[in-house]
């Protein structure tokens, strides 16, 4: 993930982001939450911000799964 998608601890604290959501895509969650609050959580609003955040989450998931499969392959190779 690009380091620009991670917000600083001060930004996260100022925007009251819960600890469970402070991950590598946290900088994208802040503008999404601001938009959601401003538009009273209307589902048709903030689509661009939501899509950007969900894409970041998916890309992070894919990266972690590839890393896990590499680790499993290496462990299986070492076991042989």
PDB file of N, CA and C in Angstrom:
ATOM      1  N   UNK A   1       0.835  -1.172   0.000  1.00  0.00           N
ATOM      2  CA  UNK A   1       0.000   0.000   0.000  1.00  0.00           C
ATOM      3  C   UNK A   1       0.886   1.242   0.000  1.00  0.00           C
ATOM      4  N   UNK A   2       0.379   2.260  -0.612  1.00  0.00           N
ATOM      5  CA  UNK A   2       1.109   3.520  -0.642  1.00  0.00           C
ATOM      6  C   UNK A   2       1.021   4.170   0.731  1.00  0.00           C
ATOM      7  N   UNK A   3       2.114   4.787   1.183  1.00  0.00           N
ATOM      8  CA  UNK A   3       2.081   5.401   2.497  1.00  0.00           C
ATOM      9  C   UNK A   3       1.104   6.569   2.582  1.00  0.00           C
ATOM     10  N   UNK A   4       0.657   7.113   1.442  1.00  0.00           N
ATOM     11  CA  UNK A   4      -0.266   8.233   1.464  1.00  0.00           C
ATOM     12  C   UNK A   4      -1.668   7.811   1.910  1.00  0.00           C
ATOM     13  N   UNK A   5      -1.941   6.512   1.986  1.00  0.00           N
ATOM     14  CA  UNK A   5      -3.263   6.051   2.405  1.00  0.00           C
ATOM     15  C   UNK A   5      -3.338   5.816   3.907  1.00  0.00           C
ATOM     16  N   UNK A   6      -2.267   6.068   4.634  1.00  0.00           N
ATOM     17  CA  UNK A   6      -2.260   5.890   6.080  1.00  0.00           C
ATOM     18  C   UNK A   6      -2.211   7.251   6.756  1.00  0.00           C
ATOM     19  N   UNK A   7      -3.191   7.517   7.597  1.00  0.00           N
ATOM     20  CA  UNK A   7      -3.258   8.789   8.314  1.00  0.00           C
ATOM     21  C   UNK A   7      -2.409   8.720   9.581  1.00  0.00           C
ATOM     22  N   UNK A   8      -1.997   9.876  10.053  1.00  0.00           N
ATOM     23  CA  UNK A   8      -1.215   9.920  11.288  1.00  0.00           C
ATOM     24  C   UNK A   8      -2.128   9.684  12.490  1.00  0.00           C
ATOM     25  N   UNK A   9      -1.540   9.347  13.610  1.00  0.00           N
ATOM     26  CA  UNK A   9      -2.318   9.092  14.822  1.00  0.00           C
ATOM     27  C   UNK A   9      -3.075  10.343  15.270  1.00  0.00           C
ATOM     28  N   UNK A  10      -2.481  11.525  15.057  1.00  0.00           N
ATOM     29  CA  UNK A  10      -3.152  12.766  15.435  1.00  0.00           C
ATOM     30  C   UNK A  10      -4.398  13.000  14.586  1.00  0.00           C
ATOM     31  N   UNK A  11      -4.296  12.731  13.281  1.00  0.00           N
ATOM     32  CA  UNK A  11      -5.447  12.885  12.393  1.00  0.00           C
ATOM     33  C   UNK A  11      -6.551  11.905  12.770  1.00  0.00           C
ATOM     34  N   UNK A  12      -6.164  10.669  13.051  1.00  0.00           N
ATOM     35  CA  UNK A  12      -7.142   9.651  13.412  1.00  0.00           C
ATOM     36  C   UNK A  12      -7.846  10.002  14.721  1.00  0.00           C
ATOM     37  N   UNK A  13      -7.081  10.503  15.664  1.00  0.00           N
ATOM     38  CA  UNK A  13      -7.661  10.878  16.941  1.00  0.00           C
ATOM     39  C   UNK A  13      -8.576  12.085  16.795  1.00  0.00           C
ATOM     40  N   UNK A  14      -8.154  13.069  15.984  1.00  0.00           N
ATOM     41  CA  UNK A  14      -8.965  14.277  15.781  1.00  0.00           C
ATOM     42  C   UNK A  14     -10.284  13.949  15.082  1.00  0.00           C
ATOM     43  N   UNK A  15     -10.278  12.958  14.218  1.00  0.00           N
ATOM     44  CA  UNK A  15     -11.488  12.571  13.498  1.00  0.00           C
ATOM     45  C   UNK A  15     -12.239  11.436  14.164  1.00  0.00           C
ATOM     46  N   UNK A  16     -11.802  11.038  15.349  1.00  0.00           N
ATOM     47  CA  UNK A  16     -12.449  10.020  16.177  1.00  0.00           C
ATOM     48  C   UNK A  16     -12.684   8.713  15.419  1.00  0.00           C
ATOM     49  N   UNK A  17     -11.641   8.256  14.741  1.00  0.00           N
ATOM     50  CA  UNK A  17     -11.713   6.971  14.038  1.00  0.00           C
ATOM     51  C   UNK A  17     -11.481   5.870  15.071  1.00  0.00           C
ATOM     52  N   UNK A  18     -12.384   4.891  15.170  1.00  0.00           N
ATOM     53  CA  UNK A  18     -12.206   3.806  16.152  1.00  0.00           C
ATOM     54  C   UNK A  18     -10.929   3.002  15.868  1.00  0.00           C
ATOM     55  N   UNK A  19     -10.376   2.403  16.897  1.00  0.00           N
ATOM     56  CA  UNK A  19      -9.121   1.663  16.773  1.00  0.00           C
ATOM     57  C   UNK A  19      -9.212   0.545  15.745  1.00  0.00           C
ATOM     58  N   UNK A  20     -10.340  -0.109  15.644  1.00  0.00           N
ATOM     59  CA  UNK A  20     -10.495  -1.209  14.703  1.00  0.00           C
ATOM     60  C   UNK A  20     -10.409  -0.788  13.246  1.00  0.00           C
ATOM     61  N   UNK A  21     -10.598   0.476  12.952  1.00  0.00           N
ATOM     62  CA  UNK A  21     -10.574   0.970  11.574  1.00  0.00           C
ATOM     63  C   UNK A  21      -9.277   1.677  11.228  1.00  0.00           C
ATOM     64  N   UNK A  22      -8.335   1.692  12.133  1.00  0.00           N
ATOM     65  CA  UNK A  22      -7.055   2.375  11.893  1.00  0.00           C
ATOM     66  C   UNK A  22      -6.090   1.413  11.220  1.00  0.00           C
ATOM     67  N   UNK A  23      -6.216   1.320   9.906  1.00  0.00           N
ATOM     68  CA  UNK A  23      -5.378   0.406   9.143  1.00  0.00           C
ATOM     69  C   UNK A  23      -4.671   1.162   8.032  1.00  0.00           C
ATOM     70  N   UNK A  24      -4.227   0.441   7.021  1.00  0.00           N
ATOM     71  CA  UNK A  24      -3.453   1.066   5.946  1.00  0.00           C
ATOM     72  C   UNK A  24      -4.295   1.954   5.042  1.00  0.00           C
ATOM     73  N   UNK A  25      -5.617   1.900   5.141  1.00  0.00           N
ATOM     74  CA  UNK A  25      -6.501   2.728   4.316  1.00  0.00           C
ATOM     75  C   UNK A  25      -7.176   3.823   5.142  1.00  0.00           C
ATOM     76  N   UNK A  26      -6.660   4.113   6.300  1.00  0.00           N
ATOM     77  CA  UNK A  26      -7.322   5.039   7.216  1.00  0.00           C
ATOM     78  C   UNK A  26      -7.422   6.456   6.679  1.00  0.00           C
ATOM     79  N   UNK A  27      -6.483   6.888   5.848  1.00  0.00           N
ATOM     80  CA  UNK A  27      -6.554   8.247   5.310  1.00  0.00           C
ATOM     81  C   UNK A  27      -7.716   8.400   4.345  1.00  0.00           C
ATOM     82  N   UNK A  28      -8.176   7.310   3.763  1.00  0.00           N
ATOM     83  CA  UNK A  28      -9.324   7.362   2.865  1.00  0.00           C
ATOM     84  C   UNK A  28     -10.640   7.285   3.630  1.00  0.00           C
ATOM     85  N   UNK A  29     -10.610   6.760   4.826  1.00  0.00           N
ATOM     86  CA  UNK A  29     -11.817   6.645   5.638  1.00  0.00           C
ATOM     87  C   UNK A  29     -12.237   7.994   6.207  1.00  0.00           C
ATOM     88  N   UNK A  30     -11.294   8.856   6.500  1.00  0.00           N
ATOM     89  CA  UNK A  30     -11.610  10.156   7.100  1.00  0.00           C
ATOM     90  C   UNK A  30     -12.508  10.990   6.187  1.00  0.00           C
ATOM     91  N   UNK A  31     -12.131  11.220   4.904  1.00  0.00           N
ATOM     92  CA  UNK A  31     -13.042  12.008   4.054  1.00  0.00           C
ATOM     93  C   UNK A  31     -14.374  11.297   3.798  1.00  0.00           C
ATOM     94  N   UNK A  32     -14.369   9.968   3.786  1.00  0.00           N
ATOM     95  CA  UNK A  32     -15.615   9.224   3.612  1.00  0.00           C
ATOM     96  C   UNK A  32     -16.545   9.474   4.795  1.00  0.00           C
ATOM     97  N   UNK A  33     -16.033   9.408   5.996  1.00  0.00           N
ATOM     98  CA  UNK A  33     -16.865   9.647   7.178  1.00  0.00           C
ATOM     99  C   UNK A  33     -17.355  11.086   7.244  1.00  0.00           C
ATOM    100  N   UNK A  34     -16.525  12.036   6.826  1.00  0.00           N
ATOM    101  CA  UNK A  34     -16.941  13.441   6.791  1.00  0.00           C
ATOM    102  C   UNK A  34     -18.092  13.612   5.803  1.00  0.00           C
ATOM    103  N   UNK A  35     -17.954  13.013   4.632  1.00  0.00           N
ATOM    104  CA  UNK A  35     -19.011  13.090   3.625  1.00  0.00           C
ATOM    105  C   UNK A  35     -20.278  12.423   4.119  1.00  0.00           C
ATOM    106  N   UNK A  36     -20.158  11.269   4.734  1.00  0.00           N
ATOM    107  CA  UNK A  36     -21.332  10.564   5.249  1.00  0.00           C
ATOM    108  C   UNK A  36     -22.057  11.396   6.295  1.00  0.00           C
ATOM    109  N   UNK A  37     -21.306  12.012   7.183  1.00  0.00           N
ATOM    110  CA  UNK A  37     -21.920  12.816   8.234  1.00  0.00           C
ATOM    111  C   UNK A  37     -22.604  14.043   7.636  1.00  0.00           C
ATOM    112  N   UNK A  38     -21.951  14.665   6.657  1.00  0.00           N
ATOM    113  CA  UNK A  38     -22.489  15.872   6.035  1.00  0.00           C
ATOM    114  C   UNK A  38     -23.775  15.577   5.255  1.00  0.00           C
ATOM    115  N   UNK A  39     -23.869  14.406   4.638  1.00  0.00           N
ATOM    116  CA  UNK A  39     -25.033  14.056   3.821  1.00  0.00           C
ATOM    117  C   UNK A  39     -26.024  13.169   4.567  1.00  0.00           C
ATOM    118  N   UNK A  40     -25.856  13.019   5.862  1.00  0.00           N
ATOM    119  CA  UNK A  40     -26.752  12.238   6.712  1.00  0.00           C
ATOM    120  C   UNK A  40     -26.857  10.790   6.235  1.00  0.00           C
ATOM    121  N   UNK A  41     -25.729  10.211   5.827  1.00  0.00           N
ATOM    122  CA  UNK A  41     -25.602   8.794   5.455  1.00  0.00           C
ATOM    123  C   UNK A  41     -26.537   8.367   4.326  1.00  0.00           C
ATOM    124  N   UNK A  42     -26.803   9.260   3.396  1.00  0.00           N
ATOM    125  CA  UNK A  42     -27.621   8.889   2.236  1.00  0.00           C
ATOM    126  C   UNK A  42     -26.820   7.908   1.386  1.00  0.00           C
ATOM    127  N   UNK A  43     -27.406   6.775   1.010  1.00  0.00           N
ATOM    128  CA  UNK A  43     -26.643   5.735   0.311  1.00  0.00           C
ATOM    129  C   UNK A  43     -26.163   6.155  -1.075  1.00  0.00           C
ATOM    130  N   UNK A  44     -26.827   7.084  -1.728  1.00  0.00           N
ATOM    131  CA  UNK A  44     -26.420   7.491  -3.072  1.00  0.00           C
ATOM    132  C   UNK A  44     -25.397   8.609  -3.057  1.00  0.00           C
ATOM    133  N   UNK A  45     -25.088   9.136  -1.909  1.00  0.00           N
ATOM    134  CA  UNK A  45     -24.059  10.165  -1.791  1.00  0.00           C
ATOM    135  C   UNK A  45     -22.714   9.504  -1.450  1.00  0.00           C
ATOM    136  N   UNK A  46     -21.644  10.197  -1.650  1.00  0.00           N
ATOM    137  CA  UNK A  46     -20.290   9.770  -1.266  1.00  0.00           C
ATOM    138  C   UNK A  46     -19.864   8.486  -1.977  1.00  0.00           C
ATOM    139  N   UNK A  47     -20.386   8.222  -3.149  1.00  0.00           N
ATOM    140  CA  UNK A  47     -20.049   6.985  -3.853  1.00  0.00           C
ATOM    141  C   UNK A  47     -18.582   6.920  -4.224  1.00  0.00           C
ATOM    142  N   UNK A  48     -18.018   8.046  -4.667  1.00  0.00           N
ATOM    143  CA  UNK A  48     -16.605   8.037  -5.068  1.00  0.00           C
ATOM    144  C   UNK A  48     -15.706   7.728  -3.870  1.00  0.00           C
ATOM    145  N   UNK A  49     -15.963   8.376  -2.749  1.00  0.00           N
ATOM    146  CA  UNK A  49     -15.147   8.149  -1.556  1.00  0.00           C
ATOM    147  C   UNK A  49     -15.282   6.706  -1.070  1.00  0.00           C
ATOM    148  N   UNK A  50     -16.510   6.180  -1.101  1.00  0.00           N
ATOM    149  CA  UNK A  50     -16.736   4.805  -0.654  1.00  0.00           C
ATOM    150  C   UNK A  50     -16.035   3.811  -1.575  1.00  0.00           C
ATOM    151  N   UNK A  51     -16.128   4.047  -2.876  1.00  0.00           N
ATOM    152  CA  UNK A  51     -15.478   3.140  -3.823  1.00  0.00           C
ATOM    153  C   UNK A  51     -13.959   3.160  -3.642  1.00  0.00           C
ATOM    154  N   UNK A  52     -13.400   4.336  -3.458  1.00  0.00           N
ATOM    155  CA  UNK A  52     -11.955   4.456  -3.257  1.00  0.00           C
ATOM    156  C   UNK A  52     -11.517   3.719  -1.993  1.00  0.00           C
ATOM    157  N   UNK A  53     -12.278   3.881  -0.917  1.00  0.00           N
ATOM    158  CA  UNK A  53     -11.942   3.214   0.339  1.00  0.00           C
ATOM    159  C   UNK A  53     -12.079   1.693   0.213  1.00  0.00           C
ATOM    160  N   UNK A  54     -13.164   1.225  -0.399  1.00  0.00           N
ATOM    161  CA  UNK A  54     -13.365  -0.207  -0.550  1.00  0.00           C
ATOM    162  C   UNK A  54     -12.334  -0.832  -1.482  1.00  0.00           C
ATOM    163  N   UNK A  55     -11.908  -0.114  -2.507  1.00  0.00           N
ATOM    164  CA  UNK A  55     -10.857  -0.607  -3.410  1.00  0.00           C
ATOM    165  C   UNK A  55      -9.552  -0.753  -2.648  1.00  0.00           C
ATOM    166  N   UNK A  56      -9.236   0.206  -1.806  1.00  0.00           N
ATOM    167  CA  UNK A  56      -8.025   0.130  -0.985  1.00  0.00           C
ATOM    168  C   UNK A  56      -8.105  -1.078  -0.057  1.00  0.00           C
ATOM    169  N   UNK A  57      -9.256  -1.295   0.571  1.00  0.00           N
ATOM    170  CA  UNK A  57      -9.432  -2.442   1.452  1.00  0.00           C
ATOM    171  C   UNK A  57      -9.256  -3.754   0.692  1.00  0.00           C
ATOM    172  N   UNK A  58      -9.822  -3.837  -0.505  1.00  0.00           N
ATOM    173  CA  UNK A  58      -9.714  -5.058  -1.311  1.00  0.00           C
ATOM    174  C   UNK A  58      -8.267  -5.303  -1.736  1.00  0.00           C
ATOM    175  N   UNK A  59      -7.592  -4.250  -2.204  1.00  0.00           N
ATOM    176  CA  UNK A  59      -6.196  -4.396  -2.620  1.00  0.00           C
ATOM    177  C   UNK A  59      -5.318  -4.841  -1.454  1.00  0.00           C
ATOM    178  N   UNK A  60      -5.597  -4.325  -0.261  1.00  0.00           N
ATOM    179  CA  UNK A  60      -4.850  -4.723   0.926  1.00  0.00           C
ATOM    180  C   UNK A  60      -5.124  -6.194   1.252  1.00  0.00           C
ATOM    181  N   UNK A  61      -6.367  -6.629   1.125  1.00  0.00           N
ATOM    182  CA  UNK A  61      -6.725  -8.031   1.358  1.00  0.00           C
ATOM    183  C   UNK A  61      -5.998  -8.951   0.371  1.00  0.00           C
ATOM    184  N   UNK A  62      -5.987  -8.590  -0.902  1.00  0.00           N
ATOM    185  CA  UNK A  62      -5.315  -9.397  -1.918  1.00  0.00           C
ATOM    186  C   UNK A  62      -3.819  -9.475  -1.628  1.00  0.00           C
ATOM    187  N   UNK A  63      -3.219  -8.350  -1.250  1.00  0.00           N
ATOM    188  CA  UNK A  63      -1.793  -8.327  -0.927  1.00  0.00           C
ATOM    189  C   UNK A  63      -1.482  -9.253   0.239  1.00  0.00           C
ATOM    190  N   UNK A  64      -2.326  -9.211   1.289  1.00  0.00           N
ATOM    191  CA  UNK A  64      -2.098 -10.065   2.453  1.00  0.00           C
ATOM    192  C   UNK A  64      -2.283 -11.541   2.118  1.00  0.00           C
ATOM    193  N   UNK A  65      -3.251 -11.863   1.259  1.00  0.00           N
ATOM    194  CA  UNK A  65      -3.471 -13.265   0.887  1.00  0.00           C
ATOM    195  C   UNK A  65      -2.312 -13.795   0.046  1.00  0.00           C
ATOM    196  N   UNK A  66      -1.763 -12.978  -0.846  1.00  0.00           N
ATOM    197  CA  UNK A  66      -0.598 -13.397  -1.632  1.00  0.00           C
ATOM    198  C   UNK A  66       0.606 -13.617  -0.725  1.00  0.00           C
ATOM    199  N   UNK A  67       0.779 -12.743   0.237  1.00  0.00           N
ATOM    200  CA  UNK A  67       1.882 -12.881   1.186  1.00  0.00           C
ATOM    201  C   UNK A  67       1.724 -14.157   2.008  1.00  0.00           C
ATOM    202  N   UNK A  68       0.500 -14.463   2.427  1.00  0.00           N
ATOM    203  CA  UNK A  68       0.237 -15.670   3.195  1.00  0.00           C
ATOM    204  C   UNK A  68       0.506 -16.925   2.375  1.00  0.00           C
ATOM    205  N   UNK A  69       0.093 -16.921   1.097  1.00  0.00           N
ATOM    206  CA  UNK A  69       0.330 -18.106   0.269  1.00  0.00           C
ATOM    207  C   UNK A  69       1.826 -18.307   0.015  1.00  0.00           C
ATOM    208  N   UNK A  70       2.585 -17.220  -0.100  1.00  0.00           N
ATOM    209  CA  UNK A  70       4.044 -17.341  -0.242  1.00  0.00           C
ATOM    210  C   UNK A  70       4.654 -17.940   1.019  1.00  0.00           C
ATOM    211  N   UNK A  71       4.176 -17.504   2.181  1.00  0.00           N
ATOM    212  CA  UNK A  71       4.680 -18.031   3.444  1.00  0.00           C
ATOM    213  C   UNK A  71       4.348 -19.518   3.580  1.00  0.00           C
ATOM    214  N   UNK A  72       3.141 -19.900   3.183  1.00  0.00           N
ATOM    215  CA  UNK A  72       2.747 -21.313   3.260  1.00  0.00           C
ATOM    216  C   UNK A  72       3.574 -22.149   2.306  1.00  0.00           C
ATOM    217  N   UNK A  73       3.842 -21.635   1.101  1.00  0.00           N
ATOM    218  CA  UNK A  73       4.661 -22.369   0.141  1.00  0.00           C
ATOM    219  C   UNK A  73       6.073 -22.531   0.654  1.00  0.00           C
ATOM    220  N   UNK A  74       6.621 -21.480   1.265  1.00  0.00           N
ATOM    221  CA  UNK A  74       7.963 -21.556   1.816  1.00  0.00           C
ATOM    222  C   UNK A  74       8.026 -22.541   2.974  1.00  0.00           C
ATOM    223  N   UNK A  75       6.980 -22.557   3.807  1.00  0.00           N
ATOM    224  CA  UNK A  75       6.964 -23.486   4.931  1.00  0.00           C
ATOM    225  C   UNK A  75       6.844 -24.932   4.437  1.00  0.00           C
ATOM    226  N   UNK A  76       6.066 -25.156   3.397  1.00  0.00           N
ATOM    227  CA  UNK A  76       5.928 -26.501   2.845  1.00  0.00           C
ATOM    228  C   UNK A  76       7.230 -26.946   2.206  1.00  0.00           C
ATOM    229  N   UNK A  77       7.934 -26.031   1.568  1.00  0.00           N
ATOM    230  CA  UNK A  77       9.221 -26.349   0.943  1.00  0.00           C
ATOM    231  C   UNK A  77      10.266 -26.679   1.999  1.00  0.00           C
ATOM    232  N   UNK A  78      10.239 -25.953   3.111  1.00  0.00           N
ATOM    233  CA  UNK A  78      11.193 -26.216   4.195  1.00  0.00           C
ATOM    234  C   UNK A  78      10.894 -27.549   4.885  1.00  0.00           C
ATOM    235  N   UNK A  79       9.624 -27.949   4.903  1.00  0.00           N
ATOM    236  CA  UNK A  79       9.233 -29.196   5.564  1.00  0.00           C
ATOM    237  C   UNK A  79       9.662 -30.421   4.758  1.00  0.00           C
ATOM    238  N   UNK A  80       9.863 -30.257   3.464  1.00  0.00           N
ATOM    239  CA  UNK A  80      10.246 -31.395   2.621  1.00  0.00           C
ATOM    240  C   UNK A  80      11.679 -31.767   2.770  1.00  0.00           C
TER     241      UNK A  80
END
